[in-house]
């Protein structure tokens, strides 16, 4: 296509008027580029969707805990929120020290199998005692300290 044809193909809004075949080819190329980007992110272990979902789950679980401590009459039990809290309670980046204090009070009221499972996990963390090398020893020590508090409580 020469310059006179290219200029003729540009529409009034500044975009090229593409033939149906050219549009199809362009859409296919875009689809392939998007698939390659998703594959690259997946291989790097970075899924945008998973990160967004984990942030939402974290916020909902912490809001659930706050509601339990501050507005008990509005609070309603949600098993998924409880499971998230119990799985992440040793992670200082997800559950702050202030939230952990409230979580200890929540854990005190645990019933059934969750109480036993939580105690077993906490005892396992306490027994860990440097059997493996962790990257950040301060985080490992904080995790162990939290586990000791849980063991003493239960």
C-alpha atoms as a PDB file:
ATOM      1  CA  UNK A   1       0.000   0.000   0.000  1.00  0.00           C
ATOM      2  CA  UNK A   2       1.529   3.344  -0.995  1.00  0.00           C
ATOM      3  CA  UNK A   3       1.184   6.577   0.995  1.00  0.00           C
ATOM      4  CA  UNK A   4      -1.780   7.823  -1.026  1.00  0.00           C
ATOM      5  CA  UNK A   5      -3.659   4.575  -0.284  1.00  0.00           C
ATOM      6  CA  UNK A   6      -2.669   4.750   3.414  1.00  0.00           C
ATOM      7  CA  UNK A   7      -3.917   8.326   3.654  1.00  0.00           C
ATOM      8  CA  UNK A   8      -7.136   7.285   1.972  1.00  0.00           C
ATOM      9  CA  UNK A   9      -7.605   4.449   4.461  1.00  0.00           C
ATOM     10  CA  UNK A  10      -7.503   6.768   7.474  1.00  0.00           C
ATOM     11  CA  UNK A  11     -10.986   7.616   8.696  1.00  0.00           C
ATOM     12  CA  UNK A  12     -12.249  10.951   9.952  1.00  0.00           C
ATOM     13  CA  UNK A  13     -11.537  10.027  13.595  1.00  0.00           C
ATOM     14  CA  UNK A  14      -7.852   9.243  12.865  1.00  0.00           C
ATOM     15  CA  UNK A  15      -8.163   5.438  12.806  1.00  0.00           C
ATOM     16  CA  UNK A  16      -7.539   3.294   9.770  1.00  0.00           C
ATOM     17  CA  UNK A  17     -10.541   1.773   8.074  1.00  0.00           C
ATOM     18  CA  UNK A  18      -9.665  -1.896   8.093  1.00  0.00           C
ATOM     19  CA  UNK A  19     -11.173  -4.533   5.915  1.00  0.00           C
ATOM     20  CA  UNK A  20     -12.935  -7.392   7.685  1.00  0.00           C
ATOM     21  CA  UNK A  21      -9.949  -9.649   6.937  1.00  0.00           C
ATOM     22  CA  UNK A  22      -7.486  -7.127   8.404  1.00  0.00           C
ATOM     23  CA  UNK A  23      -9.645  -6.742  11.512  1.00  0.00           C
ATOM     24  CA  UNK A  24      -9.745 -10.508  11.973  1.00  0.00           C
ATOM     25  CA  UNK A  25      -5.953 -10.776  11.637  1.00  0.00           C
ATOM     26  CA  UNK A  26      -5.423  -7.911  14.079  1.00  0.00           C
ATOM     27  CA  UNK A  27      -7.827  -9.425  16.630  1.00  0.00           C
ATOM     28  CA  UNK A  28      -6.062 -12.780  16.323  1.00  0.00           C
ATOM     29  CA  UNK A  29      -2.657 -11.147  16.909  1.00  0.00           C
ATOM     30  CA  UNK A  30      -3.985  -9.358  19.984  1.00  0.00           C
ATOM     31  CA  UNK A  31      -5.433 -12.595  21.328  1.00  0.00           C
ATOM     32  CA  UNK A  32      -2.075 -14.351  20.880  1.00  0.00           C
ATOM     33  CA  UNK A  33      -0.244 -11.492  22.629  1.00  0.00           C
ATOM     34  CA  UNK A  34      -2.645 -11.645  25.568  1.00  0.00           C
ATOM     35  CA  UNK A  35      -2.227 -15.432  25.830  1.00  0.00           C
ATOM     36  CA  UNK A  36       1.565 -15.090  25.782  1.00  0.00           C
ATOM     37  CA  UNK A  37       1.431 -12.448  28.532  1.00  0.00           C
ATOM     38  CA  UNK A  38      -0.802 -14.659  30.683  1.00  0.00           C
ATOM     39  CA  UNK A  39       1.546 -17.604  30.130  1.00  0.00           C
ATOM     40  CA  UNK A  40       4.564 -15.487  31.097  1.00  0.00           C
ATOM     41  CA  UNK A  41       2.854 -14.311  34.279  1.00  0.00           C
ATOM     42  CA  UNK A  42       1.817 -17.873  35.114  1.00  0.00           C
ATOM     43  CA  UNK A  43       5.377 -19.158  34.680  1.00  0.00           C
ATOM     44  CA  UNK A  44       6.664 -16.411  36.964  1.00  0.00           C
ATOM     45  CA  UNK A  45       4.055 -17.388  39.515  1.00  0.00           C
ATOM     46  CA  UNK A  46       2.344 -14.054  39.246  1.00  0.00           C
ATOM     47  CA  UNK A  47      -1.312 -14.327  38.550  1.00  0.00           C
ATOM     48  CA  UNK A  48      -3.060 -10.990  38.739  1.00  0.00           C
ATOM     49  CA  UNK A  49      -6.398 -12.633  39.423  1.00  0.00           C
ATOM     50  CA  UNK A  50      -5.036 -14.739  42.314  1.00  0.00           C
ATOM     51  CA  UNK A  51      -3.375 -11.707  43.910  1.00  0.00           C
ATOM     52  CA  UNK A  52      -6.587  -9.693  43.755  1.00  0.00           C
ATOM     53  CA  UNK A  53      -8.603 -12.586  45.171  1.00  0.00           C
ATOM     54  CA  UNK A  54      -6.145 -13.083  48.040  1.00  0.00           C
ATOM     55  CA  UNK A  55      -6.327  -9.377  48.922  1.00  0.00           C
ATOM     56  CA  UNK A  56     -10.111  -9.564  48.969  1.00  0.00           C
ATOM     57  CA  UNK A  57     -10.069 -12.692  51.137  1.00  0.00           C
ATOM     58  CA  UNK A  58      -7.635 -11.030  53.556  1.00  0.00           C
ATOM     59  CA  UNK A  59      -9.809  -7.927  53.880  1.00  0.00           C
ATOM     60  CA  UNK A  60     -12.979  -9.948  54.390  1.00  0.00           C
ATOM     61  CA  UNK A  61     -11.367 -12.132  57.057  1.00  0.00           C
ATOM     62  CA  UNK A  62      -9.973  -9.174  58.987  1.00  0.00           C
ATOM     63  CA  UNK A  63     -13.319  -7.358  58.737  1.00  0.00           C
ATOM     64  CA  UNK A  64     -14.985 -10.535  60.037  1.00  0.00           C
ATOM     65  CA  UNK A  65     -12.627 -10.557  63.033  1.00  0.00           C
ATOM     66  CA  UNK A  66     -13.229  -6.856  63.720  1.00  0.00           C
ATOM     67  CA  UNK A  67     -16.981  -7.382  63.558  1.00  0.00           C
ATOM     68  CA  UNK A  68     -16.648 -10.296  66.013  1.00  0.00           C
ATOM     69  CA  UNK A  69     -14.781  -8.140  68.509  1.00  0.00           C
ATOM     70  CA  UNK A  70     -16.605  -4.827  68.119  1.00  0.00           C
ATOM     71  CA  UNK A  71     -20.136  -5.575  66.920  1.00  0.00           C
ATOM     72  CA  UNK A  72     -20.963  -9.046  68.208  1.00  0.00           C
ATOM     73  CA  UNK A  73     -24.709  -8.578  67.603  1.00  0.00           C
ATOM     74  CA  UNK A  74     -24.050  -8.066  63.858  1.00  0.00           C
ATOM     75  CA  UNK A  75     -21.446 -10.831  63.639  1.00  0.00           C
ATOM     76  CA  UNK A  76     -22.309 -14.052  61.858  1.00  0.00           C
ATOM     77  CA  UNK A  77     -20.120 -17.162  61.687  1.00  0.00           C
ATOM     78  CA  UNK A  78     -18.427 -17.793  58.334  1.00  0.00           C
ATOM     79  CA  UNK A  79     -16.371 -20.944  58.102  1.00  0.00           C
ATOM     80  CA  UNK A  80     -14.271 -19.673  55.185  1.00  0.00           C
ATOM     81  CA  UNK A  81     -13.270 -16.538  57.110  1.00  0.00           C
ATOM     82  CA  UNK A  82     -12.335 -18.610  60.156  1.00  0.00           C
ATOM     83  CA  UNK A  83     -10.253 -20.978  58.045  1.00  0.00           C
ATOM     84  CA  UNK A  84      -8.416 -18.070  56.407  1.00  0.00           C
ATOM     85  CA  UNK A  85      -7.635 -16.556  59.812  1.00  0.00           C
ATOM     86  CA  UNK A  86      -6.391 -19.863  61.215  1.00  0.00           C
ATOM     87  CA  UNK A  87      -4.233 -20.566  58.160  1.00  0.00           C
ATOM     88  CA  UNK A  88      -2.613 -17.122  58.114  1.00  0.00           C
ATOM     89  CA  UNK A  89      -2.466 -16.200  61.803  1.00  0.00           C
ATOM     90  CA  UNK A  90       1.296 -16.747  62.005  1.00  0.00           C
ATOM     91  CA  UNK A  91       2.026 -14.480  59.011  1.00  0.00           C
ATOM     92  CA  UNK A  92       2.848 -11.042  60.426  1.00  0.00           C
ATOM     93  CA  UNK A  93       2.340  -9.352  57.057  1.00  0.00           C
ATOM     94  CA  UNK A  94      -1.254 -10.574  56.739  1.00  0.00           C
ATOM     95  CA  UNK A  95      -2.310 -10.555  60.398  1.00  0.00           C
ATOM     96  CA  UNK A  96      -0.850  -7.628  62.319  1.00  0.00           C
ATOM     97  CA  UNK A  97      -0.039  -7.786  66.026  1.00  0.00           C
ATOM     98  CA  UNK A  98      -3.232  -5.886  66.868  1.00  0.00           C
ATOM     99  CA  UNK A  99      -5.346  -8.298  64.844  1.00  0.00           C
ATOM    100  CA  UNK A 100      -3.495 -11.234  66.390  1.00  0.00           C
ATOM    101  CA  UNK A 101      -4.468 -10.116  69.907  1.00  0.00           C
ATOM    102  CA  UNK A 102      -8.121 -10.108  68.863  1.00  0.00           C
ATOM    103  CA  UNK A 103      -7.613 -13.437  67.099  1.00  0.00           C
ATOM    104  CA  UNK A 104      -6.312 -14.985  70.332  1.00  0.00           C
ATOM    105  CA  UNK A 105      -9.572 -14.047  72.028  1.00  0.00           C
ATOM    106  CA  UNK A 106     -11.473 -15.522  69.070  1.00  0.00           C
ATOM    107  CA  UNK A 107      -9.417 -18.749  69.212  1.00  0.00           C
ATOM    108  CA  UNK A 108     -10.222 -19.152  72.890  1.00  0.00           C
ATOM    109  CA  UNK A 109     -13.816 -19.828  71.903  1.00  0.00           C
ATOM    110  CA  UNK A 110     -12.989 -22.399  69.211  1.00  0.00           C
ATOM    111  CA  UNK A 111     -14.913 -25.635  69.417  1.00  0.00           C
ATOM    112  CA  UNK A 112     -14.698 -29.016  67.785  1.00  0.00           C
ATOM    113  CA  UNK A 113     -12.047 -30.242  65.398  1.00  0.00           C
ATOM    114  CA  UNK A 114     -10.748 -26.759  64.564  1.00  0.00           C
ATOM    115  CA  UNK A 115      -9.560 -26.369  68.162  1.00  0.00           C
ATOM    116  CA  UNK A 116      -7.569 -29.607  67.992  1.00  0.00           C
ATOM    117  CA  UNK A 117      -6.146 -28.890  64.538  1.00  0.00           C
ATOM    118  CA  UNK A 118      -5.102 -25.385  65.569  1.00  0.00           C
ATOM    119  CA  UNK A 119      -3.368 -26.747  68.663  1.00  0.00           C
ATOM    120  CA  UNK A 120      -1.538 -29.425  66.642  1.00  0.00           C
ATOM    121  CA  UNK A 121      -0.283 -26.883  64.111  1.00  0.00           C
ATOM    122  CA  UNK A 122       0.879 -24.526  66.853  1.00  0.00           C
ATOM    123  CA  UNK A 123       2.731 -27.344  68.656  1.00  0.00           C
ATOM    124  CA  UNK A 124       4.389 -28.364  65.395  1.00  0.00           C
ATOM    125  CA  UNK A 125       5.635 -24.810  64.842  1.00  0.00           C
ATOM    126  CA  UNK A 126       6.975 -24.635  68.410  1.00  0.00           C
ATOM    127  CA  UNK A 127       8.803 -27.964  67.942  1.00  0.00           C
ATOM    128  CA  UNK A 128      10.262 -26.828  64.598  1.00  0.00           C
ATOM    129  CA  UNK A 129      13.182 -25.103  66.375  1.00  0.00           C
ATOM    130  CA  UNK A 130      15.444 -24.415  63.418  1.00  0.00           C
ATOM    131  CA  UNK A 131      15.267 -27.825  61.745  1.00  0.00           C
ATOM    132  CA  UNK A 132      15.274 -25.988  58.432  1.00  0.00           C
ATOM    133  CA  UNK A 133      16.949 -22.777  57.445  1.00  0.00           C
ATOM    134  CA  UNK A 134      14.457 -19.960  56.927  1.00  0.00           C
ATOM    135  CA  UNK A 135      15.389 -16.832  55.040  1.00  0.00           C
ATOM    136  CA  UNK A 136      14.247 -14.347  57.672  1.00  0.00           C
ATOM    137  CA  UNK A 137      14.956 -15.526  61.209  1.00  0.00           C
ATOM    138  CA  UNK A 138      13.033 -12.576  62.714  1.00  0.00           C
ATOM    139  CA  UNK A 139       9.868 -13.757  60.966  1.00  0.00           C
ATOM    140  CA  UNK A 140      10.524 -17.330  62.056  1.00  0.00           C
ATOM    141  CA  UNK A 141      10.998 -16.202  65.654  1.00  0.00           C
ATOM    142  CA  UNK A 142       7.801 -14.130  65.549  1.00  0.00           C
ATOM    143  CA  UNK A 143       5.930 -17.106  64.099  1.00  0.00           C
ATOM    144  CA  UNK A 144       7.216 -19.350  66.884  1.00  0.00           C
ATOM    145  CA  UNK A 145       6.308 -16.745  69.504  1.00  0.00           C
ATOM    146  CA  UNK A 146       2.749 -16.570  68.192  1.00  0.00           C
ATOM    147  CA  UNK A 147       2.513 -20.368  68.152  1.00  0.00           C
ATOM    148  CA  UNK A 148       3.601 -20.504  71.813  1.00  0.00           C
ATOM    149  CA  UNK A 149       0.835 -18.070  72.708  1.00  0.00           C
ATOM    150  CA  UNK A 150      -1.705 -20.269  70.929  1.00  0.00           C
ATOM    151  CA  UNK A 151      -0.442 -23.412  72.701  1.00  0.00           C
ATOM    152  CA  UNK A 152      -0.682 -21.693  76.096  1.00  0.00           C
ATOM    153  CA  UNK A 153      -4.182 -20.488  75.314  1.00  0.00           C
ATOM    154  CA  UNK A 154      -5.550 -23.823  74.150  1.00  0.00           C
END
